[in-house]
C-alpha atoms as a PDB file:
ATOM      1  CA  MET A   1      55.494 -29.631  42.329  1.00  0.00           C
ATOM      2  CA  GLY A   2      56.779 -26.411  40.869  1.00  0.00           C
ATOM      3  CA  LEU A   3      54.942 -24.213  38.436  1.00  0.00           C
ATOM      4  CA  ASN A   4      57.150 -25.161  35.498  1.00  0.00           C
ATOM      5  CA  LYS A   5      56.758 -28.863  36.156  1.00  0.00           C
ATOM      6  CA  SER A   6      52.972 -28.500  36.384  1.00  0.00           C
ATOM      7  CA  ALA A   7      52.916 -26.718  33.052  1.00  0.00           C
ATOM      8  CA  LYS A   8      55.025 -29.444  31.455  1.00  0.00           C
ATOM      9  CA  VAL A   9      52.829 -32.209  32.878  1.00  0.00           C
ATOM     10  CA  ASN A  10      49.643 -30.457  31.724  1.00  0.00           C
ATOM     11  CA  SER A  11      51.082 -29.962  28.255  1.00  0.00           C
ATOM     12  CA  ARG A  12      52.145 -33.611  28.013  1.00  0.00           C
ATOM     13  CA  ARG A  13      48.762 -34.864  29.184  1.00  0.00           C
ATOM     14  CA  TYR A  14      46.982 -32.582  26.723  1.00  0.00           C
ATOM     15  CA  GLN A  15      49.084 -33.931  23.868  1.00  0.00           C
ATOM     16  CA  GLU A  16      48.462 -37.529  24.955  1.00  0.00           C
ATOM     17  CA  LYS A  17      44.672 -37.056  25.037  1.00  0.00           C
ATOM     18  CA  GLN A  18      44.323 -34.986  21.870  1.00  0.00           C
ATOM     19  CA  PRO A  19      44.401 -37.866  19.312  1.00  0.00           C
ATOM     20  CA  TYR A  20      41.493 -39.590  21.079  1.00  0.00           C
ATOM     21  CA  ARG A  21      39.438 -36.397  21.073  1.00  0.00           C
ATOM     22  CA  THR A  22      40.208 -35.724  17.418  1.00  0.00           C
ATOM     23  CA  LYS A  23      39.249 -39.249  16.377  1.00  0.00           C
ATOM     24  CA  VAL A  24      35.966 -38.998  18.269  1.00  0.00           C
ATOM     25  CA  LYS A  25      35.169 -35.610  16.746  1.00  0.00           C
ATOM     26  CA  ASN A  26      35.896 -36.806  13.197  1.00  0.00           C
ATOM     27  CA  LEU A  27      33.887 -40.025  13.548  1.00  0.00           C
ATOM     28  CA  ILE A  28      30.893 -38.211  15.026  1.00  0.00           C
ATOM     29  CA  SER A  29      30.913 -35.607  12.255  1.00  0.00           C
ATOM     30  CA  ASP A  30      31.223 -38.341   9.599  1.00  0.00           C
ATOM     31  CA  THR A  31      28.306 -40.203  11.174  1.00  0.00           C
ATOM     32  CA  LYS A  32      26.148 -37.069  11.250  1.00  0.00           C
ATOM     33  CA  LYS A  33      27.004 -36.413   7.623  1.00  0.00           C
ATOM     34  CA  ALA A  34      25.944 -39.956   6.659  1.00  0.00           C
ATOM     35  CA  ILE A  35      22.728 -39.521   8.659  1.00  0.00           C
ATOM     36  CA  SER A  36      21.923 -36.260   6.880  1.00  0.00           C
ATOM     37  CA  GLU A  37      22.532 -37.947   3.518  1.00  0.00           C
ATOM     38  CA  GLY A  38      20.176 -40.752   4.536  1.00  0.00           C
ATOM     39  CA  ASP A  39      22.725 -43.556   4.114  1.00  0.00           C
ATOM     40  CA  SER A  40      21.659 -45.852   6.958  1.00  0.00           C
ATOM     41  CA  GLY A  41      24.206 -48.598   6.277  1.00  0.00           C
ATOM     42  CA  LYS A  42      27.163 -46.241   6.291  1.00  0.00           C
ATOM     43  CA  ALA A  43      25.726 -44.284   9.226  1.00  0.00           C
ATOM     44  CA  SER A  44      25.269 -47.369  11.402  1.00  0.00           C
ATOM     45  CA  GLU A  45      28.791 -48.587  10.607  1.00  0.00           C
ATOM     46  CA  LEU A  46      30.273 -45.184  11.443  1.00  0.00           C
ATOM     47  CA  ALA A  47      28.140 -44.948  14.586  1.00  0.00           C
ATOM     48  CA  LYS A  48      29.538 -48.266  15.771  1.00  0.00           C
ATOM     49  CA  LYS A  49      33.075 -46.961  15.233  1.00  0.00           C
ATOM     50  CA  ALA A  50      32.217 -43.660  16.934  1.00  0.00           C
ATOM     51  CA  VAL A  51      30.808 -45.410  20.011  1.00  0.00           C
ATOM     52  CA  SER A  52      33.915 -47.566  20.191  1.00  0.00           C
ATOM     53  CA  ALA A  53      36.147 -44.479  19.920  1.00  0.00           C
ATOM     54  CA  LEU A  54      34.108 -42.719  22.617  1.00  0.00           C
ATOM     55  CA  ASP A  55      34.502 -45.694  24.932  1.00  0.00           C
ATOM     56  CA  ARG A  56      38.240 -45.766  24.259  1.00  0.00           C
ATOM     57  CA  ALA A  57      38.537 -42.027  24.917  1.00  0.00           C
ATOM     58  CA  ARG A  58      36.736 -42.515  28.224  1.00  0.00           C
ATOM     59  CA  GLN A  59      38.963 -45.446  29.108  1.00  0.00           C
ATOM     60  CA  LYS A  60      42.044 -43.278  28.494  1.00  0.00           C
ATOM     61  CA  ASN A  61      40.524 -40.375  30.489  1.00  0.00           C
ATOM     62  CA  ALA A  62      40.510 -38.132  27.427  1.00  0.00           C
ATOM     63  CA  LEU A  63      36.802 -37.361  27.943  1.00  0.00           C
ATOM     64  CA  HIS A  64      34.562 -37.275  31.008  1.00  0.00           C
ATOM     65  CA  ALA A  65      32.142 -40.164  31.464  1.00  0.00           C
ATOM     66  CA  ASN A  66      29.036 -37.960  31.348  1.00  0.00           C
ATOM     67  CA  ASN A  67      30.293 -36.252  28.201  1.00  0.00           C
ATOM     68  CA  VAL A  68      30.795 -39.637  26.526  1.00  0.00           C
ATOM     69  CA  ALA A  69      27.367 -40.865  27.614  1.00  0.00           C
ATOM     70  CA  ARG A  70      25.693 -37.721  26.283  1.00  0.00           C
ATOM     71  CA  LYS A  71      27.444 -37.924  22.914  1.00  0.00           C
ATOM     72  CA  LYS A  72      26.639 -41.622  22.502  1.00  0.00           C
ATOM     73  CA  SER A  73      23.022 -41.071  23.447  1.00  0.00           C
ATOM     74  CA  ARG A  74      22.534 -38.196  21.004  1.00  0.00           C
ATOM     75  CA  LEU A  75      24.246 -40.043  18.190  1.00  0.00           C
ATOM     76  CA  ILE A  76      22.182 -43.208  18.615  1.00  0.00           C
ATOM     77  CA  GLN A  77      19.026 -41.112  18.969  1.00  0.00           C
ATOM     78  CA  GLN A  78      19.699 -39.423  15.621  1.00  0.00           C
ATOM     79  CA  LEU A  79      20.442 -42.778  13.997  1.00  0.00           C
ATOM     80  CA  ASN A  80      17.235 -44.313  15.342  1.00  0.00           C
ATOM     81  CA  PHE A  81      15.206 -41.300  14.186  1.00  0.00           C
ATOM     82  CA  MET A  82      16.636 -41.646  10.685  1.00  0.00           C
ATOM     83  CA  ASN A  83      15.852 -45.381  10.571  1.00  0.00           C
ATOM     84  CA  LYS A  84      12.339 -44.826  11.938  1.00  0.00           C
ATOM     85  CA  ASN A  85      11.455 -42.210   9.315  1.00  0.00           C
ATOM     86  CA  LYS A  86      12.683 -44.246   6.371  1.00  0.00           C
END
């Protein structure tokens, strides 16, 4: 595989994975915002969507499995802490 072809393949793969990463990033930030506002109903709904998006990103190889596991764990931990201290 030549250098130009490798660059084209890398660029195409990057563009294919980017929407999954963006969706995950936006859902996680929305969930954290809801957690900081103390809205447990909205936060749990967004967390469910974020976990689903993380799983989809992993399935499509947009994110590494350990990265997905870490993000899910931290998100659920924050959600549980908020619910515990209510």
